[in-house]
């Protein structure tokens, strides 16, 4: 059984998706001794294992989502987060945590519906070219992302994972660079927890899913 923790940093202010990356920078400095919060082993060495802590903006609220040992760390530390620094501005917050357990199961009969509530980054440089040529399968890529989540949980996907999605392109501007992402809905025979991230840049809020359409 997996564990998921969602910490909402409540304040009167409202935030936008790009603020998630700023929150990641703050938390990485505040909890520098714990690699889970920033994925840097030291100044020069990056931890290339998938993140177990994601920084997000959920309904305008800065939030931190942890799975497995990321969840355990948030449970231990969330009460310490009383103030954050975003763009050089100190902001008092009231930290609220929600803890959920989940089972990663591949269903033989049922399909579950999800939607992306933040853009999904499915493409790298190589498969971007294939996508533009019409030879890249987004459903297959999303299936690979779900398998990655299984691996992150130490669970073996022992049956075929099915994915069927309806995706629309969206251009995201990051540091004067346009990046192609996707929004939309999908069905899969895997029961996934809401608010996890799938795909690239999930640690800063992209590819966030929610069950139900």
Protein backbone atom coordinates (compact mmCIF):
# COMPACT_ATOMS: atom_id res chain seq x y z
CA UNK A 1 0.00 0.00 0.00
CA UNK A 2 1.32 3.42 -0.95
CA UNK A 3 1.08 6.63 1.05
CA UNK A 4 0.37 10.12 -0.25
CA UNK A 5 0.51 13.38 1.69
CA UNK A 6 -0.75 16.76 0.49
CA UNK A 7 0.37 19.87 2.37
CA UNK A 8 -1.52 23.05 1.54
CA UNK A 9 0.18 26.30 2.51
CA UNK A 10 -2.87 28.41 3.23
CA UNK A 11 -2.71 32.19 2.96
CA UNK A 12 -4.95 34.94 1.65
CA UNK A 13 -2.83 35.21 -1.49
CA UNK A 14 -3.57 33.35 -4.73
CA UNK A 15 -0.78 31.83 -6.80
CA UNK A 16 -0.26 30.64 -10.38
CA UNK A 17 1.43 27.49 -11.72
CA UNK A 18 4.83 29.08 -12.27
CA UNK A 19 5.03 29.86 -8.53
CA UNK A 20 5.44 26.11 -7.86
CA UNK A 21 9.05 26.29 -9.09
CA UNK A 22 9.71 29.21 -6.74
CA UNK A 23 8.31 27.17 -3.86
CA UNK A 24 10.65 24.32 -4.80
CA UNK A 25 13.61 26.69 -4.59
CA UNK A 26 12.55 27.91 -1.15
CA UNK A 27 11.93 24.42 0.22
CA UNK A 28 15.21 23.17 -1.22
CA UNK A 29 17.03 25.83 0.77
CA UNK A 30 14.93 25.42 3.91
CA UNK A 31 15.43 21.61 3.96
CA UNK A 32 18.83 21.49 2.32
CA UNK A 33 19.88 18.45 4.35
CA UNK A 34 17.11 16.30 2.83
CA UNK A 35 17.62 15.33 -0.83
CA UNK A 36 13.90 14.58 -1.20
CA UNK A 37 13.11 18.30 -1.29
CA UNK A 38 15.53 19.32 -4.03
CA UNK A 39 17.04 16.16 -5.63
CA UNK A 40 20.62 17.47 -5.39
CA UNK A 41 23.00 15.12 -3.60
CA UNK A 42 25.59 17.90 -3.35
CA UNK A 43 26.47 21.13 -5.14
CA UNK A 44 27.56 19.32 -8.30
CA UNK A 45 25.65 16.02 -8.23
CA UNK A 46 22.00 15.62 -9.18
CA UNK A 47 19.90 12.69 -8.01
CA UNK A 48 18.42 11.29 -11.24
CA UNK A 49 15.85 9.12 -9.51
CA UNK A 50 12.29 10.34 -9.98
CA UNK A 51 11.13 12.88 -7.44
CA UNK A 52 8.93 11.77 -4.56
CA UNK A 53 8.02 15.33 -3.63
CA UNK A 54 6.12 17.56 -6.05
CA UNK A 55 5.48 21.29 -5.76
CA UNK A 56 2.13 22.45 -7.12
CA UNK A 57 -0.49 25.15 -7.16
CA UNK A 58 -3.88 23.57 -6.43
CA UNK A 59 -6.83 25.92 -6.72
CA UNK A 60 -4.54 28.91 -6.28
CA UNK A 61 -2.94 27.45 -3.13
CA UNK A 62 0.76 26.59 -3.00
CA UNK A 63 0.92 22.89 -2.18
CA UNK A 64 3.44 20.11 -1.68
CA UNK A 65 2.61 16.51 -2.55
CA UNK A 66 4.73 13.62 -1.31
CA UNK A 67 4.56 9.90 -2.00
CA UNK A 68 6.09 7.08 0.04
CA UNK A 69 9.18 8.39 1.90
CA UNK A 70 8.38 11.84 0.49
CA UNK A 71 5.01 11.60 2.26
CA UNK A 72 6.67 10.45 5.49
CA UNK A 73 9.05 13.41 5.40
CA UNK A 74 6.19 15.86 4.88
CA UNK A 75 4.30 14.32 7.82
CA UNK A 76 7.35 14.92 10.02
CA UNK A 77 8.12 18.43 8.77
CA UNK A 78 4.96 20.20 7.61
CA UNK A 79 4.35 21.93 10.96
CA UNK A 80 7.75 23.62 10.62
CA UNK A 81 6.57 25.49 7.53
CA UNK A 82 5.17 28.70 9.00
CA UNK A 83 6.61 31.18 6.50
CA UNK A 84 7.76 31.00 2.90
CA UNK A 85 9.75 33.31 0.66
CA UNK A 86 8.40 33.82 -2.86
CA UNK A 87 10.09 36.44 -5.05
CA UNK A 88 11.85 37.90 -2.02
CA UNK A 89 8.59 38.38 -0.13
CA UNK A 90 8.07 36.67 3.22
CA UNK A 91 4.58 35.18 3.41
CA UNK A 92 3.04 33.72 6.57
CA UNK A 93 1.26 30.43 5.88
CA UNK A 94 -0.89 27.97 7.77
CA UNK A 95 0.16 24.45 6.86
CA UNK A 96 -2.61 21.88 6.50
CA UNK A 97 -1.95 18.21 5.70
CA UNK A 98 -4.10 15.48 4.16
CA UNK A 99 -2.86 11.88 4.24
CA UNK A 100 -4.20 9.13 2.01
CA UNK A 101 -3.32 5.50 1.34
CA UNK A 102 -3.60 3.93 -2.09
CA UNK A 103 -3.17 0.57 -3.80
CA UNK A 104 -1.63 0.44 -7.26
CA UNK A 105 -3.73 -2.14 -9.03
CA UNK A 106 -4.32 -2.98 -12.68
CA UNK A 107 -8.02 -3.71 -13.06
CA UNK A 108 -9.20 -6.53 -15.34
CA UNK A 109 -12.64 -5.05 -15.96
CA UNK A 110 -12.83 -1.35 -15.03
CA UNK A 111 -11.41 1.81 -16.63
CA UNK A 112 -10.81 4.88 -14.46
CA UNK A 113 -11.16 8.42 -15.81
CA UNK A 114 -8.69 11.24 -15.13
CA UNK A 115 -7.97 14.72 -16.37
CA UNK A 116 -4.78 16.79 -16.41
CA UNK A 117 -5.29 19.86 -14.25
CA UNK A 118 -1.89 21.21 -15.26
CA UNK A 119 -0.13 20.75 -18.63
CA UNK A 120 1.45 17.36 -19.29
CA UNK A 121 4.95 17.48 -20.74
CA UNK A 122 5.16 14.26 -22.76
CA UNK A 123 7.90 15.07 -25.25
CA UNK A 124 11.66 15.33 -25.28
CA UNK A 125 13.73 16.55 -28.20
CA UNK A 126 13.76 13.18 -29.95
CA UNK A 127 10.10 12.26 -29.63
CA UNK A 128 9.03 15.85 -30.41
CA UNK A 129 10.33 15.23 -33.93
CA UNK A 130 8.43 11.93 -34.13
CA UNK A 131 5.28 13.63 -32.85
CA UNK A 132 5.47 16.32 -35.54
CA UNK A 133 5.94 13.58 -38.14
CA UNK A 134 2.82 11.84 -36.84
CA UNK A 135 4.68 8.73 -35.71
CA UNK A 136 4.53 9.21 -31.94
CA UNK A 137 1.81 7.62 -29.78
CA UNK A 138 0.82 9.83 -26.83
CA UNK A 139 -1.18 6.98 -25.27
CA UNK A 140 1.92 4.79 -25.27
CA UNK A 141 3.95 7.60 -23.72
CA UNK A 142 1.39 8.09 -20.96
CA UNK A 143 1.41 4.34 -20.33
CA UNK A 144 5.21 4.59 -19.89
CA UNK A 145 4.72 7.45 -17.42
CA UNK A 146 2.30 5.31 -15.41
CA UNK A 147 4.79 2.42 -15.41
CA UNK A 148 7.38 4.87 -14.09
CA UNK A 149 5.02 5.64 -11.20
CA UNK A 150 4.74 1.91 -10.48
CA UNK A 151 8.55 1.67 -10.34
CA UNK A 152 8.73 4.70 -8.05
CA UNK A 153 6.47 2.83 -5.65
CA UNK A 154 8.49 -0.38 -5.93
CA UNK A 155 5.52 -2.17 -7.53
CA UNK A 156 5.75 -4.48 -10.52
CA UNK A 157 3.15 -3.90 -13.27
CA UNK A 158 2.19 -7.54 -13.76
CA UNK A 159 -0.61 -6.97 -16.30
CA UNK A 160 -1.02 -4.90 -19.43
CA UNK A 161 -1.76 -1.25 -18.74
CA UNK A 162 -4.34 0.27 -21.06
CA UNK A 163 -4.55 4.00 -21.81
CA UNK A 164 -6.91 5.94 -24.06
CA UNK A 165 -6.73 9.72 -24.04
CA UNK A 166 -8.02 12.84 -25.72
CA UNK A 167 -5.27 15.47 -25.67
CA UNK A 168 -4.94 19.02 -26.94
CA UNK A 169 -1.71 20.92 -27.54
CA UNK A 170 -0.82 23.88 -25.34
CA UNK A 171 2.26 26.12 -25.63
CA UNK A 172 3.98 26.99 -22.36
CA UNK A 173 6.44 29.91 -22.23
CA UNK A 174 9.34 29.23 -19.86
CA UNK A 175 12.24 31.65 -19.64
CA UNK A 176 11.57 32.99 -23.16
CA UNK A 177 11.34 29.43 -24.52
CA UNK A 178 8.12 27.90 -25.83
CA UNK A 179 7.54 24.30 -24.76
CA UNK A 180 4.79 22.08 -26.15
CA UNK A 181 2.56 20.46 -23.56
CA UNK A 182 -0.84 18.82 -23.52
CA UNK A 183 -4.07 19.11 -21.60
CA UNK A 184 -6.99 16.74 -21.74
CA UNK A 185 -8.53 13.61 -20.34
CA UNK A 186 -7.70 9.92 -20.33
CA UNK A 187 -8.94 6.57 -19.16
CA UNK A 188 -6.78 3.76 -17.84
CA UNK A 189 -7.30 0.43 -16.11
CA UNK A 190 -5.01 1.59 -13.28
CA UNK A 191 -6.40 3.19 -10.13
CA UNK A 192 -4.12 6.19 -9.57
CA UNK A 193 -4.17 8.68 -6.70
CA UNK A 194 -5.26 12.20 -7.57
CA UNK A 195 -2.69 15.03 -7.51
CA UNK A 196 0.36 12.97 -8.43
CA UNK A 197 2.41 14.16 -11.41
CA UNK A 198 3.16 12.28 -14.63
CA UNK A 199 5.68 13.07 -17.36
CA UNK A 200 8.49 15.61 -17.44
CA UNK A 201 8.84 18.48 -14.94
CA UNK A 202 6.36 16.90 -12.58
CA UNK A 203 8.38 18.03 -9.56
CA UNK A 204 7.36 21.64 -10.31
CA UNK A 205 3.69 21.02 -10.84
CA UNK A 206 3.29 19.83 -14.42
CA UNK A 207 1.33 16.73 -15.40
CA UNK A 208 -0.91 16.83 -12.32
CA UNK A 209 -3.87 14.47 -12.61
CA UNK A 210 -7.22 14.33 -10.88
CA UNK A 211 -9.69 11.47 -10.97
CA UNK A 212 -13.05 12.17 -12.59
CA UNK A 213 -14.01 14.26 -15.60
